Amino acid sequence: MNGAFRGSFWKGSWYTVGFCHLRQELRSFRVDRIIDLEPSDHSFQRPAHFSAKDFLLGQLLPGSDQASSLLKVCIHGEKQVLDELCKHWLFGHTLIKRTANVAEFGLNIESVLTYVPYFLFPYGKAIRIAEPQILISRMVEVMTGMASYYQEMLSANSDLEAMENQFVHRKEDESDGKIRYKYCCRRHRF
């Protein structure tokens, strides 16, 4: 690398942008992954009107430089929920349009099919995906896979309930009708 332009902090890591002589192009480099630096006689002129931040975001947000190939992702929800969603690094940088109860994002198909469902998973029923249909289908696949995973875990641990009965006593409180759990450990010989 020659001619690092500046450092930027992104999602807990420092990056620098510079000219890579090996690839013969501008590249972004994670600072903590740089093993060795040596001075050289190579020089490189920084392009006019160059923005290291824009370049870095273009590298980190797949498809951000290809607006025509982006899918419109439309999500409905309460204002507070969408406010939180828009604070997420990916959704905040891909926001196209926002009203009080609707947010539209421009995302590439690769993102929609890979990690977007996992980012949306914690929002559960607080959001409703209006489009694209492919994201809704992918959410169903991810959720079904998660349910199957935990169902298999329950089946594999068929002794779990017996063990819980040894350590947990369920008791209904007569004063308010709420169920209370009392944990105790019984000594058993194995």
C-alpha atoms as a PDB file:
ATOM      1  CA  MET A   1       0.000   0.000   0.000  1.00  0.00           C
ATOM      2  CA  ASN A   2       1.177   3.473  -0.745  1.00  0.00           C
ATOM      3  CA  GLY A   3      -0.317   6.814   0.084  1.00  0.00           C
ATOM      4  CA  ALA A   4      -2.846   6.056   2.784  1.00  0.00           C
ATOM      5  CA  PHE A   5      -5.372   8.863   2.577  1.00  0.00           C
ATOM      6  CA  ARG A   6      -6.950   8.741   5.986  1.00  0.00           C
ATOM      7  CA  GLY A   7      -8.290   6.461   8.679  1.00  0.00           C
ATOM      8  CA  SER A   8     -11.944   5.778   9.362  1.00  0.00           C
ATOM      9  CA  PHE A   9     -13.571   3.988  12.262  1.00  0.00           C
ATOM     10  CA  TRP A  10     -16.335   1.557  11.251  1.00  0.00           C
ATOM     11  CA  LYS A  11     -18.144  -1.034  13.404  1.00  0.00           C
ATOM     12  CA  GLY A  12     -15.397  -1.299  15.980  1.00  0.00           C
ATOM     13  CA  SER A  13     -12.423  -1.385  13.580  1.00  0.00           C
ATOM     14  CA  TRP A  14     -10.105   1.192  12.057  1.00  0.00           C
ATOM     15  CA  TYR A  15      -9.673   1.239   8.264  1.00  0.00           C
ATOM     16  CA  THR A  16      -7.398   3.160   5.962  1.00  0.00           C
ATOM     17  CA  VAL A  17      -7.736   3.743   2.235  1.00  0.00           C
ATOM     18  CA  GLY A  18      -4.681   3.731  -0.012  1.00  0.00           C
ATOM     19  CA  PHE A  19      -3.277   2.655  -3.343  1.00  0.00           C
ATOM     20  CA  CYS A  20      -2.388  -1.055  -3.516  1.00  0.00           C
ATOM     21  CA  HIS A  21       0.643  -1.651  -5.767  1.00  0.00           C
ATOM     22  CA  LEU A  22      -0.039  -5.380  -5.857  1.00  0.00           C
ATOM     23  CA  ARG A  23      -3.598  -4.937  -7.225  1.00  0.00           C
ATOM     24  CA  GLN A  24      -2.890  -1.590  -8.925  1.00  0.00           C
ATOM     25  CA  GLU A  25      -6.027   0.025  -7.519  1.00  0.00           C
ATOM     26  CA  LEU A  26      -7.436   1.876  -4.547  1.00  0.00           C
ATOM     27  CA  ARG A  27      -8.233  -0.473  -1.686  1.00  0.00           C
ATOM     28  CA  SER A  28      -9.420  -0.288   1.893  1.00  0.00           C
ATOM     29  CA  PHE A  29      -7.335  -1.978   4.584  1.00  0.00           C
ATOM     30  CA  ARG A  30      -8.284  -2.907   8.139  1.00  0.00           C
ATOM     31  CA  VAL A  31      -5.535  -1.407  10.251  1.00  0.00           C
ATOM     32  CA  ASP A  32      -5.397  -4.295  12.746  1.00  0.00           C
ATOM     33  CA  ARG A  33      -4.709  -6.710   9.862  1.00  0.00           C
ATOM     34  CA  ILE A  34      -1.677  -4.827   8.539  1.00  0.00           C
ATOM     35  CA  ILE A  35       1.298  -6.957   9.541  1.00  0.00           C
ATOM     36  CA  ASP A  36       4.206  -4.853   8.324  1.00  0.00           C
ATOM     37  CA  LEU A  37       4.853  -1.382   6.924  1.00  0.00           C
ATOM     38  CA  GLU A  38       7.991  -0.347   5.068  1.00  0.00           C
ATOM     39  CA  PRO A  39       8.882   2.976   3.509  1.00  0.00           C
ATOM     40  CA  SER A  40       9.174   2.891  -0.291  1.00  0.00           C
ATOM     41  CA  ASP A  41      10.069   5.166  -3.172  1.00  0.00           C
ATOM     42  CA  HIS A  42       6.671   4.619  -4.808  1.00  0.00           C
ATOM     43  CA  SER A  43       4.388   7.577  -5.013  1.00  0.00           C
ATOM     44  CA  PHE A  44       0.745   7.990  -5.821  1.00  0.00           C
ATOM     45  CA  GLN A  45      -1.286  11.109  -6.429  1.00  0.00           C
ATOM     46  CA  ARG A  46      -4.583  11.283  -4.600  1.00  0.00           C
ATOM     47  CA  PRO A  47      -7.488  11.741  -7.041  1.00  0.00           C
ATOM     48  CA  ALA A  48      -9.199  15.124  -7.008  1.00  0.00           C
ATOM     49  CA  HIS A  49     -12.433  15.258  -4.996  1.00  0.00           C
ATOM     50  CA  PHE A  50     -11.643  11.879  -3.460  1.00  0.00           C
ATOM     51  CA  SER A  51     -13.634  10.921  -0.354  1.00  0.00           C
ATOM     52  CA  ALA A  52     -12.080   8.125   1.689  1.00  0.00           C
ATOM     53  CA  LYS A  53     -15.329   7.783   3.649  1.00  0.00           C
ATOM     54  CA  ASP A  54     -17.422   7.311   0.482  1.00  0.00           C
ATOM     55  CA  PHE A  55     -14.890   4.854  -0.908  1.00  0.00           C
ATOM     56  CA  LEU A  56     -14.829   2.858   2.323  1.00  0.00           C
ATOM     57  CA  LEU A  57     -18.626   2.714   2.557  1.00  0.00           C
ATOM     58  CA  GLY A  58     -18.764   1.620  -1.071  1.00  0.00           C
ATOM     59  CA  GLN A  59     -16.487  -1.290  -0.190  1.00  0.00           C
ATOM     60  CA  LEU A  60     -18.241  -2.221   3.050  1.00  0.00           C
ATOM     61  CA  LEU A  61     -21.834  -1.959   1.829  1.00  0.00           C
ATOM     62  CA  PRO A  62     -22.170  -4.441  -1.024  1.00  0.00           C
ATOM     63  CA  GLY A  63     -24.038  -3.051  -4.003  1.00  0.00           C
ATOM     64  CA  SER A  64     -23.982   0.539  -2.708  1.00  0.00           C
ATOM     65  CA  ASP A  65     -22.279   1.667  -5.914  1.00  0.00           C
ATOM     66  CA  GLN A  66     -24.800  -0.089  -8.153  1.00  0.00           C
ATOM     67  CA  ALA A  67     -28.085   1.650  -7.336  1.00  0.00           C
ATOM     68  CA  SER A  68     -29.834   0.185 -10.373  1.00  0.00           C
ATOM     69  CA  SER A  69     -29.341  -3.383  -9.107  1.00  0.00           C
ATOM     70  CA  LEU A  70     -30.725  -2.725  -5.623  1.00  0.00           C
ATOM     71  CA  LEU A  71     -33.960  -4.251  -4.341  1.00  0.00           C
ATOM     72  CA  LYS A  72     -36.435  -1.986  -2.623  1.00  0.00           C
ATOM     73  CA  VAL A  73     -37.065  -3.366   0.856  1.00  0.00           C
ATOM     74  CA  CYS A  74     -40.153  -1.840   2.438  1.00  0.00           C
ATOM     75  CA  ILE A  75     -40.729  -2.358   6.165  1.00  0.00           C
ATOM     76  CA  HIS A  76     -43.698  -1.162   8.209  1.00  0.00           C
ATOM     77  CA  GLY A  77     -43.680  -0.660  11.960  1.00  0.00           C
ATOM     78  CA  GLU A  78     -44.156   1.768  14.804  1.00  0.00           C
ATOM     79  CA  LYS A  79     -42.022   4.914  14.616  1.00  0.00           C
ATOM     80  CA  GLN A  80     -39.828   3.914  17.574  1.00  0.00           C
ATOM     81  CA  VAL A  81     -39.147   0.473  16.104  1.00  0.00           C
ATOM     82  CA  LEU A  82     -38.202   1.894  12.712  1.00  0.00           C
ATOM     83  CA  ASP A  83     -36.024   4.514  14.422  1.00  0.00           C
ATOM     84  CA  GLU A  84     -34.050   1.691  16.040  1.00  0.00           C
ATOM     85  CA  LEU A  85     -33.857  -0.261  12.780  1.00  0.00           C
ATOM     86  CA  CYS A  86     -32.488   2.801  10.986  1.00  0.00           C
ATOM     87  CA  LYS A  87     -29.707   3.057  13.595  1.00  0.00           C
ATOM     88  CA  HIS A  88     -28.371  -0.312  12.423  1.00  0.00           C
ATOM     89  CA  TRP A  89     -25.212   0.189  10.350  1.00  0.00           C
ATOM     90  CA  LEU A  90     -26.603  -1.500   7.227  1.00  0.00           C
ATOM     91  CA  PHE A  91     -30.107  -0.077   7.272  1.00  0.00           C
ATOM     92  CA  GLY A  92     -28.958   3.401   8.253  1.00  0.00           C
ATOM     93  CA  HIS A  93     -26.691   3.628   5.201  1.00  0.00           C
ATOM     94  CA  THR A  94     -29.171   2.136   2.744  1.00  0.00           C
ATOM     95  CA  LEU A  95     -32.251   4.152   3.723  1.00  0.00           C
ATOM     96  CA  ILE A  96     -34.032   5.537   0.647  1.00  0.00           C
ATOM     97  CA  LYS A  97     -37.265   6.918   2.070  1.00  0.00           C
ATOM     98  CA  ARG A  98     -38.773   7.209   5.527  1.00  0.00           C
ATOM     99  CA  THR A  99     -42.174   8.149   6.900  1.00  0.00           C
ATOM    100  CA  ALA A 100     -43.393   7.705  10.470  1.00  0.00           C
ATOM    101  CA  ASN A 101     -44.459   4.084   9.966  1.00  0.00           C
ATOM    102  CA  VAL A 102     -42.665   2.999   6.779  1.00  0.00           C
ATOM    103  CA  ALA A 103     -38.988   2.701   5.898  1.00  0.00           C
ATOM    104  CA  GLU A 104     -37.668   1.865   2.431  1.00  0.00           C
ATOM    105  CA  PHE A 105     -34.141   0.614   1.903  1.00  0.00           C
ATOM    106  CA  GLY A 106     -32.079  -0.157  -1.195  1.00  0.00           C
ATOM    107  CA  LEU A 107     -30.289  -3.485  -0.683  1.00  0.00           C
ATOM    108  CA  ASN A 108     -28.631  -5.912  -3.061  1.00  0.00           C
ATOM    109  CA  ILE A 109     -30.031  -9.398  -3.502  1.00  0.00           C
ATOM    110  CA  GLU A 110     -26.986 -11.029  -1.876  1.00  0.00           C
ATOM    111  CA  SER A 111     -27.550  -9.072   1.348  1.00  0.00           C
ATOM    112  CA  VAL A 112     -31.276  -9.780   1.313  1.00  0.00           C
ATOM    113  CA  LEU A 113     -30.689 -13.519   0.988  1.00  0.00           C
ATOM    114  CA  THR A 114     -27.825 -13.833   3.466  1.00  0.00           C
ATOM    115  CA  TYR A 115     -27.603 -11.600   6.511  1.00  0.00           C
ATOM    116  CA  VAL A 116     -30.633  -9.251   6.332  1.00  0.00           C
ATOM    117  CA  PRO A 117     -33.032 -11.920   7.709  1.00  0.00           C
ATOM    118  CA  TYR A 118     -30.750 -12.380  10.731  1.00  0.00           C
ATOM    119  CA  PHE A 119     -30.649  -8.614  11.333  1.00  0.00           C
ATOM    120  CA  LEU A 120     -34.465  -8.445  11.163  1.00  0.00           C
ATOM    121  CA  PHE A 121     -35.050 -11.569  13.286  1.00  0.00           C
ATOM    122  CA  PRO A 122     -34.880  -9.783  16.692  1.00  0.00           C
ATOM    123  CA  TYR A 123     -37.658  -7.373  15.656  1.00  0.00           C
ATOM    124  CA  GLY A 124     -40.136 -10.265  15.451  1.00  0.00           C
ATOM    125  CA  LYS A 125     -43.742  -9.113  15.130  1.00  0.00           C
ATOM    126  CA  ALA A 126     -42.827  -5.455  15.705  1.00  0.00           C
ATOM    127  CA  ILE A 127     -42.149  -5.086  11.974  1.00  0.00           C
ATOM    128  CA  ARG A 128     -43.971  -6.166   8.822  1.00  0.00           C
ATOM    129  CA  ILE A 129     -42.057  -6.665   5.599  1.00  0.00           C
ATOM    130  CA  ALA A 130     -44.216  -5.305   2.767  1.00  0.00           C
ATOM    131  CA  GLU A 131     -41.738  -6.120   0.002  1.00  0.00           C
ATOM    132  CA  PRO A 132     -39.881  -7.834  -1.608  1.00  0.00           C
ATOM    133  CA  GLN A 133     -41.577 -11.196  -1.500  1.00  0.00           C
ATOM    134  CA  ILE A 134     -38.198 -12.939  -1.727  1.00  0.00           C
ATOM    135  CA  LEU A 135     -37.190 -11.462   1.658  1.00  0.00           C
ATOM    136  CA  ILE A 136     -40.428 -12.679   3.247  1.00  0.00           C
ATOM    137  CA  SER A 137     -39.766 -16.162   1.815  1.00  0.00           C
ATOM    138  CA  ARG A 138     -36.197 -16.074   3.093  1.00  0.00           C
ATOM    139  CA  MET A 139     -37.401 -15.008   6.553  1.00  0.00           C
ATOM    140  CA  VAL A 140     -39.717 -18.051   6.576  1.00  0.00           C
ATOM    141  CA  GLU A 141     -36.784 -20.309   5.612  1.00  0.00           C
ATOM    142  CA  VAL A 142     -34.559 -18.846   8.329  1.00  0.00           C
ATOM    143  CA  MET A 143     -37.263 -19.046  11.001  1.00  0.00           C
ATOM    144  CA  THR A 144     -38.183 -22.602   9.995  1.00  0.00           C
ATOM    145  CA  GLY A 145     -34.529 -23.569  10.157  1.00  0.00           C
ATOM    146  CA  MET A 146     -34.192 -22.004  13.611  1.00  0.00           C
ATOM    147  CA  ALA A 147     -37.343 -23.770  14.848  1.00  0.00           C
ATOM    148  CA  SER A 148     -36.082 -27.112  13.484  1.00  0.00           C
ATOM    149  CA  TYR A 149     -32.706 -26.579  15.122  1.00  0.00           C
ATOM    150  CA  TYR A 150     -34.241 -26.015  18.547  1.00  0.00           C
ATOM    151  CA  GLN A 151     -36.784 -28.805  18.060  1.00  0.00           C
ATOM    152  CA  GLU A 152     -33.905 -31.199  17.375  1.00  0.00           C
ATOM    153  CA  MET A 153     -32.178 -29.879  20.464  1.00  0.00           C
ATOM    154  CA  LEU A 154     -35.268 -30.672  22.545  1.00  0.00           C
ATOM    155  CA  SER A 155     -35.523 -34.145  21.063  1.00  0.00           C
ATOM    156  CA  ALA A 156     -31.847 -34.822  21.665  1.00  0.00           C
ATOM    157  CA  ASN A 157     -32.242 -33.747  25.268  1.00  0.00           C
ATOM    158  CA  SER A 158     -35.279 -35.856  26.111  1.00  0.00           C
ATOM    159  CA  ASP A 159     -34.005 -36.160  29.643  1.00  0.00           C
ATOM    160  CA  LEU A 160     -34.121 -32.397  30.008  1.00  0.00           C
ATOM    161  CA  GLU A 161     -37.589 -32.340  31.567  1.00  0.00           C
ATOM    162  CA  ALA A 162     -36.658 -35.030  34.067  1.00  0.00           C
ATOM    163  CA  MET A 163     -33.565 -33.058  35.023  1.00  0.00           C
ATOM    164  CA  GLU A 164     -35.554 -29.842  35.353  1.00  0.00           C
ATOM    165  CA  ASN A 165     -38.018 -31.589  37.651  1.00  0.00           C
ATOM    166  CA  GLN A 166     -35.113 -32.448  39.908  1.00  0.00           C
ATOM    167  CA  PHE A 167     -33.928 -28.843  40.107  1.00  0.00           C
ATOM    168  CA  VAL A 168     -37.018 -26.676  39.591  1.00  0.00           C
ATOM    169  CA  HIS A 169     -40.234 -26.677  41.561  1.00  0.00           C
ATOM    170  CA  ARG A 170     -43.195 -24.869  40.073  1.00  0.00           C
ATOM    171  CA  LYS A 171     -45.493 -23.298  42.612  1.00  0.00           C
ATOM    172  CA  GLU A 172     -48.565 -21.149  42.091  1.00  0.00           C
ATOM    173  CA  ASP A 173     -48.751 -18.286  44.539  1.00  0.00           C
ATOM    174  CA  GLU A 174     -52.178 -18.281  46.132  1.00  0.00           C
ATOM    175  CA  SER A 175     -52.163 -14.539  46.805  1.00  0.00           C
ATOM    176  CA  ASP A 176     -51.855 -13.322  43.204  1.00  0.00           C
ATOM    177  CA  GLY A 177     -52.163 -16.471  41.081  1.00  0.00           C
ATOM    178  CA  LYS A 178     -48.725 -15.977  39.491  1.00  0.00           C
ATOM    179  CA  ILE A 179     -46.475 -18.935  38.953  1.00  0.00           C
ATOM    180  CA  ARG A 180     -43.213 -18.854  40.886  1.00  0.00           C
ATOM    181  CA  TYR A 181     -40.215 -21.094  40.354  1.00  0.00           C
ATOM    182  CA  LYS A 182     -38.032 -22.247  43.192  1.00  0.00           C
ATOM    183  CA  TYR A 183     -34.632 -23.580  42.257  1.00  0.00           C
ATOM    184  CA  CYS A 184     -33.003 -26.163  44.422  1.00  0.00           C
ATOM    185  CA  CYS A 185     -30.291 -28.693  43.955  1.00  0.00           C
ATOM    186  CA  ARG A 186     -30.811 -32.235  45.115  1.00  0.00           C
ATOM    187  CA  ARG A 187     -27.914 -34.560  45.534  1.00  0.00           C
ATOM    188  CA  HIS A 188     -28.070 -37.570  43.312  1.00  0.00           C
ATOM    189  CA  ARG A 189     -25.735 -40.466  42.772  1.00  0.00           C
ATOM    190  CA  PHE A 190     -24.796 -41.042  39.171  1.00  0.00           C
END
